[in-house]
Amino acid sequence: MIYYPYLRGRMYDLLAIKELVEQGQLSPKIVPIIEPVLDSKELQQTVQTLIDHQQPFSVIANPQVSVYGLNDTKLYPLPDVDNLKFYYPSAILAADFSSDFLKTVDNQQSLLIVKNYELLKAYQNTKVLQTVDKVLIPDVARIHRLVKTKAALLTDPLTFVRHVEDYADLDDEFFEPADWYHQVGNYDGFGDYSMVGHVYFDKGMPSRAIALHLIYVTEDGTLRIHHFVSDSNEHMSGQKDKFFEALQKMVTWCTENIHGLNATPALEELLSYNQQAKFPGLGMIKKLSLMHHFELMNRLLNLKEN
């Protein structure tokens, strides 16, 4: 079974993947899919690191968010991936889709990301669907019927809230695509947007609260996500104090509940900030939270293999 984490090419998302690959924390059972959003040095360096370590990965040929796809001339052009056997050519089925995006060589496998039923229906009898290796889709029955055995599940498990402080009311909830140990519904593989969510914003939204999100596995094998929210949320200022309020809650909860597979190096690093006076910044928090999730998934998939 393959896990396809879907990432927009924001700086700290890319740094999370880059560092995990450098540390040998991603197995071939994890295939990051990157939808580029900016022409950046971080994107170029991350792709090069993936290549250097022969880590299976994919970069969306026709990104649909932000500005990356608007200019063919790049300040930071990506390394050539066309002939890499561990590279997965991929594209989104959208108005600018071309079958050329999914051309493969040797033993490469192609990925098609589908969100729109009507567009998929228009392609159902084409060579594209006949030759593509895997189609990542939401859990929608009529889309699944058109894709059949090539379907892999791509979901957004993060509950979307209008205000960050609303996560305090959720506290702890299922992280829905908990299918790492048994694939249900005739899907072949699974992916998600981790705790980042599928909604893309070019710029961070100001918030009165800070929330930390922790994905963990329970004794029965299901995945859950716990939210830790700051308390002093009356005003926009005081980001440092809010971080340590949320972090202290996380430290207390983790001391009682997190051990074994859930105790990853990235989580340990995040918790260690409780012993310091320095606020690492929201980007670093996001990077470590993502790294923890993928380290955990790497452990779980390797455990299943054994």
Protein backbone atom coordinates (compact mmCIF):
# COMPACT_ATOMS: atom_id res chain seq x y z
CA MET A 1 0.00 0.00 0.00
CA ILE A 2 1.31 3.44 -0.93
CA TYR A 3 0.73 6.66 1.01
CA TYR A 4 0.51 9.84 -1.09
CA PRO A 5 0.84 12.96 1.10
CA TYR A 6 -0.30 15.96 -0.96
CA LEU A 7 1.62 19.17 -0.31
CA ARG A 8 1.48 22.66 -1.72
CA GLY A 9 5.01 23.92 -2.29
CA ARG A 10 5.11 26.34 0.62
CA MET A 11 8.54 26.85 2.16
CA TYR A 12 8.06 24.94 5.41
CA ASP A 13 6.15 22.09 3.75
CA LEU A 14 9.13 21.65 1.44
CA LEU A 15 11.66 21.92 4.25
CA ALA A 16 9.79 19.20 6.15
CA ILE A 17 10.08 16.80 3.21
CA LYS A 18 13.69 17.78 2.49
CA GLU A 19 14.84 17.16 6.06
CA LEU A 20 12.96 13.86 6.36
CA VAL A 21 14.58 12.57 3.17
CA GLU A 22 18.03 13.68 4.34
CA GLN A 23 17.42 11.81 7.61
CA GLY A 24 16.24 8.66 5.86
CA GLN A 25 12.78 8.94 7.42
CA LEU A 26 10.71 8.30 4.28
CA SER A 27 10.40 4.81 2.84
CA PRO A 28 9.48 4.00 -0.79
CA LYS A 29 5.93 3.42 0.50
CA ILE A 30 5.57 7.20 0.92
CA VAL A 31 5.31 9.17 -2.32
CA PRO A 32 5.05 12.94 -1.68
CA ILE A 33 3.00 14.79 -4.30
CA ILE A 34 4.04 18.44 -4.59
CA GLU A 35 1.80 21.03 -6.20
CA PRO A 36 4.17 23.96 -6.80
CA VAL A 37 2.92 27.40 -5.78
CA LEU A 38 6.03 29.58 -6.04
CA ASP A 39 9.20 29.62 -8.13
CA SER A 40 11.50 29.22 -5.15
CA LYS A 41 14.96 28.05 -4.16
CA GLU A 42 13.33 25.78 -1.56
CA LEU A 43 11.35 23.94 -4.25
CA GLN A 44 14.43 23.50 -6.43
CA GLN A 45 16.55 22.25 -3.51
CA THR A 46 13.85 19.90 -2.22
CA VAL A 47 13.40 18.26 -5.63
CA GLN A 48 17.18 17.88 -5.93
CA THR A 49 17.33 16.24 -2.50
CA LEU A 50 14.55 13.82 -3.47
CA ILE A 51 16.51 12.93 -6.59
CA ASP A 52 19.83 12.56 -4.76
CA HIS A 53 18.27 10.08 -2.30
CA GLN A 54 16.17 8.32 -4.96
CA GLN A 55 13.02 8.96 -2.94
CA PRO A 56 9.84 8.30 -4.92
CA PHE A 57 7.97 11.58 -5.48
CA SER A 58 5.87 13.59 -7.88
CA VAL A 59 5.52 17.22 -8.95
CA ILE A 60 2.16 18.28 -10.43
CA ALA A 61 2.64 19.29 -14.07
CA ASN A 62 -0.27 21.77 -14.09
CA PRO A 63 -0.61 23.36 -10.64
CA GLN A 64 -3.98 25.01 -10.09
CA VAL A 65 -3.25 27.37 -7.20
CA SER A 66 -1.06 30.47 -6.89
CA VAL A 67 1.27 31.74 -9.62
CA TYR A 68 3.82 28.99 -10.35
CA GLY A 69 2.19 27.86 -13.57
CA LEU A 70 1.79 31.36 -15.02
CA ASN A 71 5.38 31.87 -16.16
CA ASP A 72 7.37 29.33 -18.18
CA THR A 73 10.68 31.04 -17.40
CA LYS A 74 11.80 30.08 -13.89
CA LEU A 75 14.44 31.70 -11.70
CA TYR A 76 14.89 28.33 -10.03
CA PRO A 77 14.27 25.71 -12.72
CA LEU A 78 13.63 22.19 -11.48
CA PRO A 79 16.12 19.41 -12.21
CA ASP A 80 15.23 17.02 -15.02
CA VAL A 81 13.04 14.20 -13.73
CA ASP A 82 11.74 12.71 -16.99
CA ASN A 83 13.95 9.62 -16.98
CA LEU A 84 13.98 8.82 -13.25
CA LYS A 85 12.44 5.43 -12.57
CA PHE A 86 11.33 6.52 -9.07
CA TYR A 87 9.54 9.63 -10.36
CA TYR A 88 5.73 9.64 -10.76
CA PRO A 89 4.50 11.94 -13.58
CA SER A 90 1.30 13.58 -12.35
CA ALA A 91 -1.32 16.14 -13.29
CA ILE A 92 -4.67 17.50 -12.18
CA LEU A 93 -7.64 16.83 -14.44
CA ALA A 94 -8.52 20.47 -15.15
CA ALA A 95 -9.20 22.82 -18.05
CA ASP A 96 -5.49 23.00 -18.94
CA PHE A 97 -4.94 19.23 -18.78
CA SER A 98 -2.87 17.54 -21.48
CA SER A 99 -2.18 13.84 -21.87
CA ASP A 100 1.47 14.80 -22.40
CA PHE A 101 1.65 15.54 -18.67
CA LEU A 102 1.35 11.83 -17.92
CA LYS A 103 3.88 10.42 -20.37
CA THR A 104 6.03 7.75 -18.74
CA VAL A 105 9.30 6.00 -19.51
CA ASP A 106 10.54 2.58 -18.44
CA ASN A 107 8.77 1.55 -15.22
CA GLN A 108 7.43 4.94 -14.17
CA GLN A 109 3.89 5.10 -12.82
CA SER A 110 1.61 8.04 -13.60
CA LEU A 111 -0.86 9.74 -11.26
CA LEU A 112 -4.00 11.66 -12.16
CA ILE A 113 -5.67 13.84 -9.52
CA VAL A 114 -9.41 14.15 -10.09
CA LYS A 115 -11.82 16.41 -8.21
CA ASN A 116 -14.50 17.16 -10.81
CA TYR A 117 -17.01 14.46 -11.78
CA GLU A 118 -18.26 16.13 -14.96
CA LEU A 119 -14.75 16.58 -16.33
CA LEU A 120 -13.87 13.01 -15.47
CA LYS A 121 -17.01 11.79 -17.22
CA ALA A 122 -15.89 13.56 -20.40
CA TYR A 123 -12.61 11.61 -20.24
CA GLN A 124 -14.03 8.24 -19.20
CA ASN A 125 -13.57 6.53 -22.58
CA THR A 126 -10.29 8.17 -23.51
CA LYS A 127 -6.81 6.70 -23.67
CA VAL A 128 -5.87 8.86 -20.66
CA LEU A 129 -7.92 6.79 -18.22
CA GLN A 130 -6.91 3.57 -19.94
CA THR A 131 -3.18 4.20 -19.57
CA VAL A 132 -2.85 6.12 -16.30
CA ASP A 133 -1.64 3.94 -13.44
CA LYS A 134 -3.41 5.55 -10.49
CA VAL A 135 -6.22 8.07 -10.05
CA LEU A 136 -6.41 9.95 -6.76
CA ILE A 137 -10.00 10.89 -5.97
CA PRO A 138 -12.20 12.08 -3.10
CA ASP A 139 -14.48 9.52 -1.47
CA VAL A 140 -17.31 10.09 -3.96
CA ALA A 141 -19.14 7.01 -5.23
CA ARG A 142 -19.92 8.24 -8.76
CA ILE A 143 -16.29 9.27 -9.32
CA HIS A 144 -15.12 5.92 -7.99
CA ARG A 145 -17.40 4.06 -10.39
CA LEU A 146 -15.72 5.74 -13.38
CA VAL A 147 -12.20 5.10 -12.10
CA LYS A 148 -12.79 1.58 -10.75
CA THR A 149 -9.70 -0.36 -9.67
CA LYS A 150 -7.27 2.47 -10.37
CA ALA A 151 -8.70 4.60 -7.55
CA ALA A 152 -6.60 5.79 -4.63
CA LEU A 153 -8.31 7.81 -1.93
CA LEU A 154 -7.29 11.46 -1.48
CA THR A 155 -9.05 13.15 1.43
CA ASP A 156 -8.84 16.23 3.59
CA PRO A 157 -9.12 14.94 7.16
CA LEU A 158 -8.70 18.35 8.81
CA THR A 159 -11.94 19.89 10.05
CA PHE A 160 -12.02 23.40 8.59
CA VAL A 161 -12.95 26.14 11.08
CA ARG A 162 -13.45 29.83 10.46
CA HIS A 163 -11.49 30.83 13.55
CA VAL A 164 -8.47 28.99 14.96
CA GLU A 165 -9.82 29.23 18.50
CA ASP A 166 -12.76 27.05 17.41
CA TYR A 167 -10.42 24.05 17.49
CA ALA A 168 -10.72 24.22 21.27
CA ASP A 169 -14.28 22.91 20.89
CA LEU A 170 -13.08 19.94 18.81
CA ASP A 171 -10.25 18.95 21.16
CA ASP A 172 -9.74 15.41 19.84
CA GLU A 173 -11.21 13.81 16.70
CA PHE A 174 -10.73 11.05 14.15
CA PHE A 175 -8.18 11.71 11.44
CA GLU A 176 -10.38 10.22 8.77
CA PRO A 177 -8.21 8.39 6.24
CA ALA A 178 -7.07 5.94 8.91
CA ASP A 179 -6.64 3.27 6.24
CA TRP A 180 -2.95 2.54 6.64
CA TYR A 181 -3.62 -0.92 8.05
CA HIS A 182 -6.55 -2.03 5.89
CA GLN A 183 -7.73 -0.48 2.65
CA VAL A 184 -11.51 -0.13 2.60
CA GLY A 185 -13.92 0.55 -0.25
CA ASN A 186 -11.79 -1.01 -3.01
CA TYR A 187 -9.23 1.78 -2.99
CA ASP A 188 -5.62 1.04 -3.82
CA GLY A 189 -3.51 3.46 -1.80
CA PHE A 190 -4.43 6.58 0.13
CA GLY A 191 -3.38 10.20 0.45
CA ASP A 192 -4.25 13.29 2.43
CA TYR A 193 -3.39 16.95 2.97
CA SER A 194 -2.15 16.21 6.51
CA MET A 195 -3.08 18.91 9.03
CA VAL A 196 -2.57 21.65 6.43
CA GLY A 197 -5.91 21.15 4.68
CA HIS A 198 -6.80 21.41 1.00
CA VAL A 199 -7.78 25.10 1.14
CA TYR A 200 -4.94 27.23 -0.18
CA PHE A 201 -4.20 30.80 0.89
CA ASP A 202 -1.40 32.78 -0.77
CA LYS A 203 -0.77 34.58 2.50
CA GLY A 204 -1.28 33.46 6.06
CA MET A 205 -4.51 34.59 7.66
CA PRO A 206 -4.08 36.66 10.85
CA SER A 207 -5.48 34.92 13.88
CA ARG A 208 -6.10 35.80 17.50
CA ALA A 209 -5.24 32.25 18.59
CA ILE A 210 -2.49 29.70 18.00
CA ALA A 211 -3.39 26.04 17.63
CA LEU A 212 -1.00 23.10 17.59
CA HIS A 213 -2.16 19.89 15.91
CA LEU A 214 -0.89 16.42 16.77
CA ILE A 215 -1.71 13.30 14.77
CA TYR A 216 -1.31 10.04 16.67
CA VAL A 217 -2.19 6.35 16.36
CA THR A 218 -4.32 4.55 18.95
CA GLU A 219 -3.97 1.00 20.23
CA ASP A 220 -6.57 -0.27 17.77
CA GLY A 221 -4.68 1.23 14.82
CA THR A 222 -6.89 4.22 14.07
CA LEU A 223 -5.47 7.68 13.63
CA ARG A 224 -6.68 10.67 15.60
CA ILE A 225 -5.75 14.35 15.75
CA HIS A 226 -5.58 16.40 18.94
CA HIS A 227 -5.80 20.20 18.97
CA PHE A 228 -4.07 22.41 21.54
CA VAL A 229 -5.28 26.02 21.54
CA SER A 230 -3.94 29.11 23.30
CA ASP A 231 -6.04 30.86 25.97
CA SER A 232 -5.21 34.58 25.72
CA ASN A 233 -7.08 35.09 22.47
CA GLU A 234 -8.80 38.42 23.03
CA HIS A 235 -6.30 40.37 20.90
CA MET A 236 -4.07 39.77 17.87
CA SER A 237 -0.82 40.53 19.72
CA GLY A 238 1.21 38.21 21.92
CA GLN A 239 2.04 35.39 19.49
CA LYS A 240 4.91 34.17 21.65
CA ASP A 241 2.80 33.89 24.80
CA LYS A 242 0.03 32.15 22.86
CA PHE A 243 2.47 29.60 21.48
CA PHE A 244 3.73 28.68 24.93
CA GLU A 245 0.17 28.43 26.26
CA ALA A 246 -0.69 25.91 23.55
CA LEU A 247 2.66 24.15 23.88
CA GLN A 248 2.27 23.68 27.63
CA LYS A 249 -1.06 21.96 27.01
CA MET A 250 0.63 19.73 24.43
CA VAL A 251 3.49 18.85 26.81
CA THR A 252 1.06 17.92 29.60
CA TRP A 253 -1.11 15.81 27.31
CA CYS A 254 1.83 14.09 25.60
CA THR A 255 3.41 13.17 28.94
CA GLU A 256 0.32 11.13 29.74
CA ASN A 257 -0.65 9.86 26.29
CA ILE A 258 2.26 9.73 23.86
CA HIS A 259 4.80 6.90 23.84
CA GLY A 260 6.12 4.18 21.57
CA LEU A 261 5.47 4.73 17.87
CA ASN A 262 3.92 8.15 18.50
CA ALA A 263 7.06 9.54 20.14
CA THR A 264 8.87 10.77 17.03
CA PRO A 265 12.06 12.86 16.82
CA ALA A 266 10.13 15.80 15.32
CA LEU A 267 7.61 15.77 18.18
CA GLU A 268 10.44 15.60 20.70
CA GLU A 269 12.02 18.68 19.09
CA LEU A 270 8.72 20.56 19.15
CA LEU A 271 8.12 19.72 22.81
CA SER A 272 11.67 20.79 23.71
CA TYR A 273 10.75 24.42 23.03
CA ASN A 274 8.92 24.30 26.35
CA GLN A 275 12.37 24.36 28.00
CA GLN A 276 13.37 27.49 26.09
CA ALA A 277 12.29 31.10 26.00
CA LYS A 278 12.49 31.37 22.22
CA PHE A 279 9.39 31.43 20.02
CA PRO A 280 10.41 29.41 16.92
CA GLY A 281 7.82 31.01 14.62
CA LEU A 282 4.71 29.53 13.07
CA GLY A 283 6.61 28.19 10.06
CA MET A 284 8.92 26.06 12.21
CA ILE A 285 5.94 24.78 14.22
CA LYS A 286 4.22 23.73 11.00
CA LYS A 287 7.38 22.05 9.70
CA LEU A 288 7.87 19.98 12.86
CA SER A 289 4.18 19.04 13.00
CA LEU A 290 4.31 17.81 9.41
CA MET A 291 7.55 15.95 10.04
CA HIS A 292 5.97 14.20 13.03
CA HIS A 293 3.01 13.07 10.94
CA PHE A 294 5.19 11.66 8.16
CA GLU A 295 7.62 10.05 10.60
CA LEU A 296 4.65 8.34 12.22
CA MET A 297 3.24 7.18 8.88
CA ASN A 298 6.68 5.87 7.91
CA ARG A 299 6.81 3.82 11.11
CA LEU A 300 3.29 2.49 10.65
CA LEU A 301 3.79 1.43 7.04
CA ASN A 302 7.09 -0.26 7.90
CA LEU A 303 5.37 -1.99 10.83
CA LYS A 304 2.66 -3.29 8.52
CA GLU A 305 5.29 -4.60 6.13
CA ASN A 306 6.95 -6.56 8.94
